[in-house]
Amino acid sequence: LHFVDASIALPDREEELDVRLLLSGLADEQAQRTYEQRLELYNALATDYQAEAGSGIIDVRRAIRKDPFWGALEIKYGYAVTAHKAQGGQWPCVIVDMSFFGFMPHDRSMIRWLYTAITRATERVYLLNIPEDLYSLETIA
């Protein structure tokens, strides 16, 4: 497993966090580490903590939960494409960030755009940052 320390910016909170990233699965097909990979890391950490402190199982488990390697962020490459460029294509999962909808006219063209974005998904759609005035489509002229 390959780890790296990094600082990540949270622009909406205007702060940075120091984190540990797990790079080993960056290009893997799986969404996360396999059970076997997690177990291997857990056992390695447990061995280290037992040898280090000679602690009981409860103390070892508590130490592992706080360990920065155990809590490392699993990151993946991401790809983005506009809804218009996506026409004709399909993906298992589509994420639609609607944060800019507050600046768009709420009319039929917006509904058509949203329809295009949503129908690109074959399995799941996630709508992020839905403006409150869109909770009811009755607000659309």
Protein backbone atom coordinates (compact mmCIF):
# COMPACT_ATOMS: atom_id res chain seq x y z
CA LEU A 1 0.00 0.00 0.00
CA HIS A 2 1.23 3.47 -0.86
CA PHE A 3 0.29 6.48 1.29
CA VAL A 4 1.02 10.19 1.03
CA ASP A 5 0.36 13.10 3.38
CA ALA A 6 -1.48 16.06 1.85
CA SER A 7 -3.33 19.25 2.65
CA ILE A 8 -6.77 19.60 1.12
CA ALA A 9 -8.70 22.84 0.77
CA LEU A 10 -12.35 23.15 1.75
CA PRO A 11 -13.31 26.28 -0.19
CA ASP A 12 -16.81 26.54 1.24
CA ARG A 13 -15.33 26.58 4.76
CA GLU A 14 -12.19 28.54 3.87
CA GLU A 15 -9.96 26.06 5.66
CA GLU A 16 -7.42 23.34 4.95
CA LEU A 17 -7.13 19.88 6.46
CA ASP A 18 -3.99 17.79 6.77
CA VAL A 19 -4.89 14.25 5.70
CA ARG A 20 -3.28 10.97 4.71
CA LEU A 21 -4.23 9.62 1.29
CA LEU A 22 -4.15 6.01 0.12
CA LEU A 23 -2.85 6.06 -3.46
CA SER A 24 -2.66 2.31 -4.07
CA GLY A 25 -6.20 1.99 -5.39
CA LEU A 26 -6.20 5.15 -7.46
CA ALA A 27 -6.60 3.39 -10.81
CA ASP A 28 -8.30 0.19 -9.59
CA GLU A 29 -11.70 -0.77 -10.97
CA GLN A 30 -13.14 -1.32 -7.47
CA ALA A 31 -14.70 1.60 -5.62
CA GLN A 32 -12.71 0.79 -2.48
CA ARG A 33 -10.14 -1.60 -1.06
CA THR A 34 -11.22 -5.23 -0.96
CA TYR A 35 -12.02 -6.97 2.31
CA GLU A 36 -8.73 -8.87 2.03
CA GLN A 37 -6.74 -5.64 1.60
CA ARG A 38 -8.43 -4.03 4.62
CA LEU A 39 -7.84 -7.17 6.68
CA GLU A 40 -4.16 -7.23 5.69
CA LEU A 41 -3.68 -3.63 6.84
CA TYR A 42 -5.65 -4.26 10.04
CA ASN A 43 -3.55 -7.30 10.92
CA ALA A 44 -0.29 -5.43 10.23
CA LEU A 45 -1.38 -2.55 12.47
CA ALA A 46 -2.61 -4.94 15.18
CA THR A 47 0.76 -6.72 15.18
CA ASP A 48 2.60 -3.39 15.51
CA TYR A 49 0.40 -2.15 18.35
CA GLN A 50 0.56 -5.45 20.25
CA ALA A 51 4.35 -5.55 19.98
CA GLU A 52 4.65 -1.89 20.89
CA ALA A 53 2.42 -1.77 23.94
CA GLY A 54 1.66 -5.37 24.78
CA SER A 55 -1.90 -4.11 25.16
CA GLY A 56 -5.09 -6.09 25.30
CA ILE A 57 -7.34 -6.50 22.26
CA ILE A 58 -9.58 -3.57 23.27
CA ASP A 59 -6.61 -1.20 23.51
CA VAL A 60 -5.26 -2.45 20.17
CA ARG A 61 -8.63 -1.90 18.45
CA ARG A 62 -8.91 1.59 19.94
CA ALA A 63 -5.39 2.45 18.73
CA ILE A 64 -6.13 1.15 15.21
CA ARG A 65 -9.28 3.29 14.96
CA LYS A 66 -7.14 6.37 15.69
CA ASP A 67 -4.29 5.31 13.39
CA PRO A 68 -3.73 7.71 10.46
CA PHE A 69 -2.97 4.83 8.09
CA TRP A 70 -6.22 3.04 8.96
CA GLY A 71 -8.17 6.29 8.52
CA ALA A 72 -6.47 7.30 5.27
CA LEU A 73 -8.74 8.69 2.56
CA GLU A 74 -9.20 6.35 -0.38
CA ILE A 75 -9.09 8.49 -3.50
CA LYS A 76 -9.98 7.76 -7.11
CA TYR A 77 -9.60 9.57 -10.39
CA GLY A 78 -12.76 11.36 -11.42
CA TYR A 79 -14.01 12.46 -14.78
CA ALA A 80 -16.48 15.19 -15.60
CA VAL A 81 -18.35 16.03 -18.76
CA THR A 82 -21.06 18.57 -19.43
CA ALA A 83 -24.61 17.34 -19.97
CA HIS A 84 -24.55 18.60 -23.55
CA LYS A 85 -21.32 16.76 -24.35
CA ALA A 86 -22.80 13.68 -22.69
CA GLN A 87 -25.72 13.46 -25.11
CA GLY A 88 -25.71 10.04 -26.71
CA GLY A 89 -23.50 8.55 -23.99
CA GLN A 90 -24.45 6.63 -20.87
CA TRP A 91 -22.74 5.88 -17.57
CA PRO A 92 -23.73 3.67 -14.62
CA CYS A 93 -23.58 6.64 -12.23
CA VAL A 94 -24.24 10.31 -12.96
CA ILE A 95 -23.70 13.14 -10.48
CA VAL A 96 -25.45 16.42 -11.27
CA ASP A 97 -24.23 19.48 -9.37
CA MET A 98 -27.16 21.88 -9.33
CA SER A 99 -25.44 24.67 -7.38
CA PHE A 100 -25.55 27.00 -10.40
CA PHE A 101 -29.31 26.51 -10.91
CA GLY A 102 -30.00 29.54 -8.73
CA PHE A 103 -28.51 31.69 -11.51
CA MET A 104 -30.50 30.07 -14.34
CA PRO A 105 -33.99 31.00 -15.46
CA HIS A 106 -36.40 28.38 -14.16
CA ASP A 107 -38.05 27.51 -17.42
CA ARG A 108 -38.57 24.58 -19.78
CA SER A 109 -35.02 24.77 -21.15
CA MET A 110 -33.69 24.10 -17.65
CA ILE A 111 -36.01 21.08 -17.34
CA ARG A 112 -34.80 19.80 -20.72
CA TRP A 113 -31.19 20.21 -19.62
CA LEU A 114 -31.89 18.36 -16.37
CA TYR A 115 -33.70 15.61 -18.29
CA THR A 116 -30.64 15.19 -20.54
CA ALA A 117 -28.32 14.97 -17.54
CA ILE A 118 -30.50 12.51 -15.62
CA THR A 119 -31.16 10.19 -18.55
CA ARG A 120 -27.42 9.64 -19.10
CA ALA A 121 -27.43 7.30 -16.06
CA THR A 122 -28.11 3.59 -16.44
CA GLU A 123 -28.17 2.81 -12.70
CA ARG A 124 -27.93 5.78 -10.33
CA VAL A 125 -28.28 9.56 -10.32
CA TYR A 126 -27.12 11.85 -7.54
CA LEU A 127 -28.46 15.42 -7.47
CA LEU A 128 -26.23 17.72 -5.42
CA ASN A 129 -26.99 21.20 -4.09
CA ILE A 130 -30.64 21.26 -5.13
CA PRO A 131 -32.00 24.82 -4.77
CA GLU A 132 -34.90 24.96 -2.35
CA ASP A 133 -37.20 26.50 -4.94
CA LEU A 134 -36.84 23.36 -7.07
CA TYR A 135 -38.24 21.00 -4.45
CA SER A 136 -41.57 21.46 -6.19
CA LEU A 137 -41.71 21.49 -9.97
CA GLU A 138 -44.82 23.67 -9.69
CA THR A 139 -42.43 26.62 -9.46
CA ILE A 140 -41.31 26.01 -13.06
CA ALA A 141 -43.20 28.14 -15.61
